[in-house]
């Protein structure tokens, strides 16, 4: 799948691709060790991207504490 968007959040690489379902996007996150992905609507990505990025950053901070 061709990426719609790709950017870094600290050490986390975020890639956005079209999901199989209409009007949905697949958000893929990878920090070199842990991979995570989830689906959001195009509306959520457009209007709540900042909140989504804060949650991704916080989730990956928590993986560092668990080690």
C-alpha atoms as a PDB file:
ATOM      1  CA  UNK A   1       0.000   0.000   0.000  1.00  0.00           C
ATOM      2  CA  UNK A   2       1.201   3.467  -0.852  1.00  0.00           C
ATOM      3  CA  UNK A   3       1.651   5.695   2.240  1.00  0.00           C
ATOM      4  CA  UNK A   4      -0.644   8.707   2.477  1.00  0.00           C
ATOM      5  CA  UNK A   5       1.594  10.325   5.089  1.00  0.00           C
ATOM      6  CA  UNK A   6       4.720   9.437   7.014  1.00  0.00           C
ATOM      7  CA  UNK A   7       6.407  11.299   9.882  1.00  0.00           C
ATOM      8  CA  UNK A   8       8.473  10.870  13.053  1.00  0.00           C
ATOM      9  CA  UNK A   9       7.259  11.390  16.617  1.00  0.00           C
ATOM     10  CA  UNK A  10      10.539  11.363  18.492  1.00  0.00           C
ATOM     11  CA  UNK A  11      11.938   7.898  17.813  1.00  0.00           C
ATOM     12  CA  UNK A  12       8.566   6.519  16.607  1.00  0.00           C
ATOM     13  CA  UNK A  13       8.035   6.300  12.843  1.00  0.00           C
ATOM     14  CA  UNK A  14       4.360   6.809  11.962  1.00  0.00           C
ATOM     15  CA  UNK A  15       3.022   5.749   8.562  1.00  0.00           C
ATOM     16  CA  UNK A  16      -0.540   6.340   7.365  1.00  0.00           C
ATOM     17  CA  UNK A  17      -2.049   4.129   4.647  1.00  0.00           C
ATOM     18  CA  UNK A  18      -5.556   3.493   3.318  1.00  0.00           C
ATOM     19  CA  UNK A  19      -7.332   0.676   5.168  1.00  0.00           C
ATOM     20  CA  UNK A  20      -9.391  -2.031   3.504  1.00  0.00           C
ATOM     21  CA  UNK A  21     -12.610  -0.412   4.692  1.00  0.00           C
ATOM     22  CA  UNK A  22     -13.971   2.751   3.017  1.00  0.00           C
ATOM     23  CA  UNK A  23     -13.125   6.090   4.671  1.00  0.00           C
ATOM     24  CA  UNK A  24     -10.704   4.392   7.081  1.00  0.00           C
ATOM     25  CA  UNK A  25      -6.960   4.843   7.519  1.00  0.00           C
ATOM     26  CA  UNK A  26      -4.462   2.437   9.039  1.00  0.00           C
ATOM     27  CA  UNK A  27      -1.934   4.080  11.354  1.00  0.00           C
ATOM     28  CA  UNK A  28       1.297   2.067  11.668  1.00  0.00           C
ATOM     29  CA  UNK A  29       3.803   2.913  14.409  1.00  0.00           C
ATOM     30  CA  UNK A  30       7.305   1.478  14.845  1.00  0.00           C
ATOM     31  CA  UNK A  31      10.125   2.536  17.164  1.00  0.00           C
ATOM     32  CA  UNK A  32      12.702   0.013  16.001  1.00  0.00           C
ATOM     33  CA  UNK A  33      11.555  -2.593  18.517  1.00  0.00           C
ATOM     34  CA  UNK A  34       7.795  -2.427  18.997  1.00  0.00           C
ATOM     35  CA  UNK A  35       5.236  -2.253  16.184  1.00  0.00           C
ATOM     36  CA  UNK A  36       1.661  -1.119  16.655  1.00  0.00           C
ATOM     37  CA  UNK A  37      -1.178  -0.339  14.284  1.00  0.00           C
ATOM     38  CA  UNK A  38      -4.736   0.853  14.573  1.00  0.00           C
ATOM     39  CA  UNK A  39      -7.544   2.119  12.355  1.00  0.00           C
ATOM     40  CA  UNK A  40      -9.105   5.583  12.419  1.00  0.00           C
ATOM     41  CA  UNK A  41     -11.630   7.333  10.221  1.00  0.00           C
ATOM     42  CA  UNK A  42     -10.413   9.992   7.804  1.00  0.00           C
ATOM     43  CA  UNK A  43     -12.379  12.524   9.891  1.00  0.00           C
ATOM     44  CA  UNK A  44     -10.596  11.488  13.099  1.00  0.00           C
ATOM     45  CA  UNK A  45      -7.194  11.714  11.414  1.00  0.00           C
ATOM     46  CA  UNK A  46      -7.926  15.151  10.010  1.00  0.00           C
ATOM     47  CA  UNK A  47      -9.524  16.659  13.114  1.00  0.00           C
ATOM     48  CA  UNK A  48      -7.924  14.786  16.026  1.00  0.00           C
ATOM     49  CA  UNK A  49      -4.405  14.192  14.724  1.00  0.00           C
ATOM     50  CA  UNK A  50      -2.770  16.128  17.565  1.00  0.00           C
ATOM     51  CA  UNK A  51      -4.568  14.046  20.208  1.00  0.00           C
ATOM     52  CA  UNK A  52      -3.711  10.832  18.336  1.00  0.00           C
ATOM     53  CA  UNK A  53      -0.031  11.835  18.230  1.00  0.00           C
ATOM     54  CA  UNK A  54      -0.045  12.591  21.968  1.00  0.00           C
ATOM     55  CA  UNK A  55      -1.493   9.140  22.676  1.00  0.00           C
ATOM     56  CA  UNK A  56       1.068   7.422  20.426  1.00  0.00           C
ATOM     57  CA  UNK A  57       3.920   9.264  22.164  1.00  0.00           C
ATOM     58  CA  UNK A  58       2.545   8.386  25.603  1.00  0.00           C
ATOM     59  CA  UNK A  59       2.040   4.721  24.682  1.00  0.00           C
ATOM     60  CA  UNK A  60       5.629   4.371  23.504  1.00  0.00           C
ATOM     61  CA  UNK A  61       6.914   6.144  26.653  1.00  0.00           C
ATOM     62  CA  UNK A  62       5.111   3.483  28.669  1.00  0.00           C
ATOM     63  CA  UNK A  63       6.919   0.672  26.791  1.00  0.00           C
ATOM     64  CA  UNK A  64      10.244   2.155  27.890  1.00  0.00           C
ATOM     65  CA  UNK A  65       9.162   2.134  31.558  1.00  0.00           C
ATOM     66  CA  UNK A  66       8.084  -1.539  31.399  1.00  0.00           C
ATOM     67  CA  UNK A  67      11.538  -2.740  30.313  1.00  0.00           C
END
